[in-house]
Amino acid sequence: MKKVAIFGSTGSIGTQALSVIASNPRRVKAAVLTCKSRVDMLRNQIRRFRPEAVVVDRKEDAAELRREYRDLKVFYGADGLEEAAGAMDYDIFLNALVGIAGLRPTMAAIKRGAVTIALANKETLVTGGRLVMREAAASGVPVVPVDSEHSAVFQCLAGNQENSIRRILLTASGGPFRGYDRSRLESVTLGDALIHPTWKMGRKITVDSATLINKGFEVIEAKWLFDVDASCIEVAIHPQSIVHSLVEFEDGALLAQLGVSDMKAPISYAFSWPERWATDSRTLDLIGTRSLYFEEPAGEARRSLDMAYRVLREIQESEGDSSAVVLNGADEALVELFLAGKIPFVAILDTLEDLLDKHTPRGIESIEDIMDIDLEARTTVRERWGQHKI
């Protein structure tokens, strides 16, 4: 029986992870659950899955849960996430948190050791890839990706030598604004941005998919996960979202992982790895699909990818990892403003590009360095747009 800590259990990935657990009651158990504000949903999860510990954001919510569930360990706040990750007993750490909040708990889980990191929080590697992967290697902790694209690459590499990779091709649906030029993007609304054509996800990642910066983050994440040069990572627009990614090897062989658009499959694989468990995911109808097609990223969609590759060059040429932290922190702040109706959609990429132009890349020595750079980027965004609350 594997015990799983689900950090972000009330979000899209977290709830689907619990569905996988419910389908495999003799194989896996929820040991730790966490949420930020959906405490009533967490209560339902506690009653159904009976975890050993939970983490909430507010001290007041923690006090109520302690009164309601006497045998339950309850932590709260950012410190509580880190403490639970480092102290509780579990075999798999599923990081399904949103944003840079996932960095410290992941590092605590790695330092705890004797776990598998199931990573659905790409910001952990975008901001702290060098530190995280170095610590994971030193601790002998495997990092198994949960993002559908990186899970696909991970699966294609099974039984193959990673040093024989010629290319990694990450696929992207193109989001709701595929093919839009600048003039069309200037009039899109929040409602438009939150309608993803193939995946059901949280609001933040859905907006990131609309700008395509999410794919840029995945390019950076792939560099750290698979230890490849930026020149080996490419992106192909694949609106059908059937081919989740591909790997080309030195002998010219191209392996792909295909499936329906259902996150339960990569979640289940992260839990079962190196085995495979049955899931209730639909079977892909290849005959009905008839054909698969791919496009080159172009127009406004190219801007996000260009920024990501620019950041990777700075990382590789001068270990200027701070650029990735700026890109991520500024994006989180900008998406928050966009979701609140404070800025137009086009302001997201415009501001990101400008901040990168003005940033001088530098190295990172610690998590504290990352958090300082992150705060600086967020502060700059809010000051620029007249929002002074940090």
Foldseek 3Di string as FASTA:
>chain_A
DFEEAEEALPFDLNVLLVVLCVVVVPQYAYAEEEHEPVLVVVVVVCVVRVHQEYEYADPVSQVVVCVVDVRHHYHYHLVRLLCCLQPDDGAEYEYPDEAPSSQNSLLSNLVSANHEYAYPHLNNCLQPLVPNLVSNVVRVYHYAYLQLQSNFVVVVCVVHDLVQFQAKEAEALCFLQNPPAPVVQQPDALVSQQDGPAAHGDSLVSNCSNQLLNVLSVLSSCCSNSVDASVRYHYKHWNQCFFRIWTAGNVGDIDTDGDGHDSSQSSQCSSDPVDHDDDPGDGDDPVVVVDTDIHHDDHSSVLSNVLSNVCSCCCVVPVLSLLSLLLRLLLVLVSVCRVVVLDGSVVNSVVNVVVSVPDDGDHDDDVVSSVVSSVVSNCVNCVVSVRRDD
